């Protein structure tokens, strides 16, 4: 049975850190391009970061560049999103998804926004003092 569970969210003060996990069972995440997305109340879903399955290259939205780091743990079949220097505007539900890249060079960005597969229920991150 295919299952993905996002975890690691919570309440954190501005400037704090969290590490989100995207753990899969029933399929191997290493074979897929994986992205982290977030959606804040009343806002459009936003692509935050992604990681390539071919060369491990990564992409970060300008809003999180330098603060967030995406990584894989093959042994644990998990993709992580390390979030540092969190800001109130990072508050959102975070989801991981498999995605289809548009570039031919193996990079994960840009990707086809119509071909995203969200498997889990997300994890809520709240940044507030």
C-alpha atoms as a PDB file:
ATOM      1  CA  UNK A   1       0.000   0.000   0.000  1.00  0.00           C
ATOM      2  CA  UNK A   2       1.361   3.380  -1.023  1.00  0.00           C
ATOM      3  CA  UNK A   3       1.493   5.871   1.796  1.00  0.00           C
ATOM      4  CA  UNK A   4       3.218   9.163   2.480  1.00  0.00           C
ATOM      5  CA  UNK A   5       3.241  10.871   5.843  1.00  0.00           C
ATOM      6  CA  UNK A   6       4.445  14.399   6.442  1.00  0.00           C
ATOM      7  CA  UNK A   7       5.503  15.223   9.987  1.00  0.00           C
ATOM      8  CA  UNK A   8       7.618  17.574  12.038  1.00  0.00           C
ATOM      9  CA  UNK A   9       5.420  20.624  12.060  1.00  0.00           C
ATOM     10  CA  UNK A  10       4.528  22.566  15.160  1.00  0.00           C
ATOM     11  CA  UNK A  11       4.564  25.921  16.867  1.00  0.00           C
ATOM     12  CA  UNK A  12       7.875  27.738  16.841  1.00  0.00           C
ATOM     13  CA  UNK A  13       8.976  31.263  17.649  1.00  0.00           C
ATOM     14  CA  UNK A  14      10.335  33.553  14.949  1.00  0.00           C
ATOM     15  CA  UNK A  15      13.956  32.739  14.328  1.00  0.00           C
ATOM     16  CA  UNK A  16      13.472  29.127  15.354  1.00  0.00           C
ATOM     17  CA  UNK A  17      13.952  25.918  13.389  1.00  0.00           C
ATOM     18  CA  UNK A  18      11.968  22.857  12.433  1.00  0.00           C
ATOM     19  CA  UNK A  19      12.725  19.789  10.349  1.00  0.00           C
ATOM     20  CA  UNK A  20       9.882  18.390   8.303  1.00  0.00           C
ATOM     21  CA  UNK A  21       9.857  14.782   7.152  1.00  0.00           C
ATOM     22  CA  UNK A  22       8.179  13.189   4.158  1.00  0.00           C
ATOM     23  CA  UNK A  23       8.256   9.448   4.784  1.00  0.00           C
ATOM     24  CA  UNK A  24       7.037   6.989   2.189  1.00  0.00           C
ATOM     25  CA  UNK A  25       6.043   3.347   2.218  1.00  0.00           C
ATOM     26  CA  UNK A  26       5.040   1.182  -0.699  1.00  0.00           C
ATOM     27  CA  UNK A  27       7.320   2.952  -3.149  1.00  0.00           C
ATOM     28  CA  UNK A  28      10.882   4.267  -3.239  1.00  0.00           C
ATOM     29  CA  UNK A  29      11.189   8.031  -2.993  1.00  0.00           C
ATOM     30  CA  UNK A  30      14.664   7.974  -4.537  1.00  0.00           C
ATOM     31  CA  UNK A  31      13.124   7.196  -7.915  1.00  0.00           C
ATOM     32  CA  UNK A  32      11.016  10.347  -7.865  1.00  0.00           C
ATOM     33  CA  UNK A  33      11.452  14.055  -8.037  1.00  0.00           C
ATOM     34  CA  UNK A  34      10.097  15.368  -4.757  1.00  0.00           C
ATOM     35  CA  UNK A  35       8.868  18.815  -3.887  1.00  0.00           C
ATOM     36  CA  UNK A  36       7.772  20.581  -0.735  1.00  0.00           C
ATOM     37  CA  UNK A  37       4.799  22.894  -1.057  1.00  0.00           C
ATOM     38  CA  UNK A  38       2.928  25.048   1.409  1.00  0.00           C
ATOM     39  CA  UNK A  39      -0.435  26.675   1.643  1.00  0.00           C
ATOM     40  CA  UNK A  40      -1.292  29.422   4.073  1.00  0.00           C
ATOM     41  CA  UNK A  41      -4.909  30.277   4.931  1.00  0.00           C
ATOM     42  CA  UNK A  42      -6.493  32.276   2.132  1.00  0.00           C
ATOM     43  CA  UNK A  43      -3.437  31.990  -0.094  1.00  0.00           C
ATOM     44  CA  UNK A  44      -2.451  30.016  -3.162  1.00  0.00           C
ATOM     45  CA  UNK A  45      -0.332  26.932  -2.805  1.00  0.00           C
ATOM     46  CA  UNK A  46       3.351  27.770  -3.168  1.00  0.00           C
ATOM     47  CA  UNK A  47       6.224  25.583  -4.275  1.00  0.00           C
ATOM     48  CA  UNK A  48       8.960  25.885  -1.658  1.00  0.00           C
ATOM     49  CA  UNK A  49      11.698  23.496  -2.701  1.00  0.00           C
ATOM     50  CA  UNK A  50      12.382  20.390  -4.758  1.00  0.00           C
ATOM     51  CA  UNK A  51      15.071  17.780  -5.216  1.00  0.00           C
ATOM     52  CA  UNK A  52      16.007  15.886  -8.347  1.00  0.00           C
ATOM     53  CA  UNK A  53      16.016  12.102  -8.504  1.00  0.00           C
ATOM     54  CA  UNK A  54      18.687  12.058 -11.226  1.00  0.00           C
ATOM     55  CA  UNK A  55      21.476  14.219  -9.827  1.00  0.00           C
ATOM     56  CA  UNK A  56      20.303  15.375  -6.417  1.00  0.00           C
ATOM     57  CA  UNK A  57      20.189  18.991  -7.500  1.00  0.00           C
ATOM     58  CA  UNK A  58      17.839  21.249  -5.598  1.00  0.00           C
ATOM     59  CA  UNK A  59      15.692  24.310  -6.066  1.00  0.00           C
ATOM     60  CA  UNK A  60      14.446  26.869  -3.557  1.00  0.00           C
ATOM     61  CA  UNK A  61      11.886  29.593  -3.884  1.00  0.00           C
ATOM     62  CA  UNK A  62      13.316  33.059  -3.303  1.00  0.00           C
ATOM     63  CA  UNK A  63      11.231  33.374  -0.155  1.00  0.00           C
ATOM     64  CA  UNK A  64      13.115  30.535   1.556  1.00  0.00           C
ATOM     65  CA  UNK A  65      16.511  30.557  -0.143  1.00  0.00           C
ATOM     66  CA  UNK A  66      19.336  30.513   2.362  1.00  0.00           C
ATOM     67  CA  UNK A  67      17.022  29.417   5.190  1.00  0.00           C
ATOM     68  CA  UNK A  68      15.590  26.066   4.076  1.00  0.00           C
ATOM     69  CA  UNK A  69      17.447  22.923   2.999  1.00  0.00           C
ATOM     70  CA  UNK A  70      15.932  19.900   1.280  1.00  0.00           C
ATOM     71  CA  UNK A  71      17.626  16.507   1.530  1.00  0.00           C
ATOM     72  CA  UNK A  72      17.063  12.780   1.127  1.00  0.00           C
ATOM     73  CA  UNK A  73      17.785   9.815   3.380  1.00  0.00           C
ATOM     74  CA  UNK A  74      17.715   6.785   1.121  1.00  0.00           C
ATOM     75  CA  UNK A  75      17.921   4.286   3.965  1.00  0.00           C
ATOM     76  CA  UNK A  76      14.874   5.790   5.648  1.00  0.00           C
ATOM     77  CA  UNK A  77      13.016   6.427   2.386  1.00  0.00           C
ATOM     78  CA  UNK A  78      12.444   9.959   3.590  1.00  0.00           C
ATOM     79  CA  UNK A  79      12.858  13.477   2.257  1.00  0.00           C
ATOM     80  CA  UNK A  80      13.492  16.257   4.753  1.00  0.00           C
ATOM     81  CA  UNK A  81      13.011  19.995   4.774  1.00  0.00           C
ATOM     82  CA  UNK A  82      15.222  21.711   7.325  1.00  0.00           C
ATOM     83  CA  UNK A  83      13.783  25.127   8.068  1.00  0.00           C
ATOM     84  CA  UNK A  84      15.886  27.696   9.889  1.00  0.00           C
ATOM     85  CA  UNK A  85      15.378  31.356  10.742  1.00  0.00           C
ATOM     86  CA  UNK A  86      11.644  30.880  10.519  1.00  0.00           C
ATOM     87  CA  UNK A  87       9.420  33.876   9.974  1.00  0.00           C
ATOM     88  CA  UNK A  88       5.722  34.405  10.677  1.00  0.00           C
ATOM     89  CA  UNK A  89       5.112  34.396   6.919  1.00  0.00           C
ATOM     90  CA  UNK A  90       6.332  30.782   6.816  1.00  0.00           C
ATOM     91  CA  UNK A  91       3.174  29.763   8.669  1.00  0.00           C
ATOM     92  CA  UNK A  92       1.306  27.260   6.492  1.00  0.00           C
ATOM     93  CA  UNK A  93       0.430  23.637   5.995  1.00  0.00           C
ATOM     94  CA  UNK A  94       3.378  21.962   4.322  1.00  0.00           C
ATOM     95  CA  UNK A  95       2.982  19.078   1.895  1.00  0.00           C
ATOM     96  CA  UNK A  96       5.374  16.919  -0.050  1.00  0.00           C
ATOM     97  CA  UNK A  97       4.570  15.702  -3.531  1.00  0.00           C
ATOM     98  CA  UNK A  98       6.051  13.778  -6.399  1.00  0.00           C
ATOM     99  CA  UNK A  99       6.492  15.984  -9.423  1.00  0.00           C
ATOM    100  CA  UNK A 100       7.354  15.876 -13.094  1.00  0.00           C
ATOM    101  CA  UNK A 101      10.174  18.162 -14.204  1.00  0.00           C
ATOM    102  CA  UNK A 102      10.011  20.165 -17.413  1.00  0.00           C
ATOM    103  CA  UNK A 103      13.741  20.633 -17.923  1.00  0.00           C
ATOM    104  CA  UNK A 104      15.737  18.070 -19.867  1.00  0.00           C
ATOM    105  CA  UNK A 105      18.874  18.520 -17.786  1.00  0.00           C
ATOM    106  CA  UNK A 106      17.694  16.516 -14.798  1.00  0.00           C
ATOM    107  CA  UNK A 107      16.910  19.466 -12.578  1.00  0.00           C
ATOM    108  CA  UNK A 108      13.662  19.475 -10.630  1.00  0.00           C
ATOM    109  CA  UNK A 109      12.718  23.039 -11.548  1.00  0.00           C
ATOM    110  CA  UNK A 110      10.771  24.111 -13.444  1.00  0.00           C
ATOM    111  CA  UNK A 111       8.188  21.401 -12.999  1.00  0.00           C
ATOM    112  CA  UNK A 112       4.786  20.673 -14.445  1.00  0.00           C
ATOM    113  CA  UNK A 113       2.319  22.202 -11.991  1.00  0.00           C
ATOM    114  CA  UNK A 114      -0.457  20.086 -13.511  1.00  0.00           C
ATOM    115  CA  UNK A 115       1.371  16.840 -12.723  1.00  0.00           C
ATOM    116  CA  UNK A 116       1.781  16.924  -8.988  1.00  0.00           C
ATOM    117  CA  UNK A 117       0.812  14.008  -6.766  1.00  0.00           C
ATOM    118  CA  UNK A 118       0.079  14.904  -3.173  1.00  0.00           C
ATOM    119  CA  UNK A 119      -0.121  11.801  -1.068  1.00  0.00           C
ATOM    120  CA  UNK A 120      -0.253  12.944   2.539  1.00  0.00           C
ATOM    121  CA  UNK A 121      -2.333  15.242   4.690  1.00  0.00           C
ATOM    122  CA  UNK A 122       0.386  17.788   5.321  1.00  0.00           C
ATOM    123  CA  UNK A 123       1.916  19.110   8.499  1.00  0.00           C
ATOM    124  CA  UNK A 124       1.093  22.467  10.048  1.00  0.00           C
ATOM    125  CA  UNK A 125       3.872  24.935  10.761  1.00  0.00           C
ATOM    126  CA  UNK A 126       3.004  27.939  12.897  1.00  0.00           C
ATOM    127  CA  UNK A 127       5.588  30.644  13.479  1.00  0.00           C
ATOM    128  CA  UNK A 128       4.469  32.988  16.187  1.00  0.00           C
ATOM    129  CA  UNK A 129       5.684  34.617  19.362  1.00  0.00           C
END
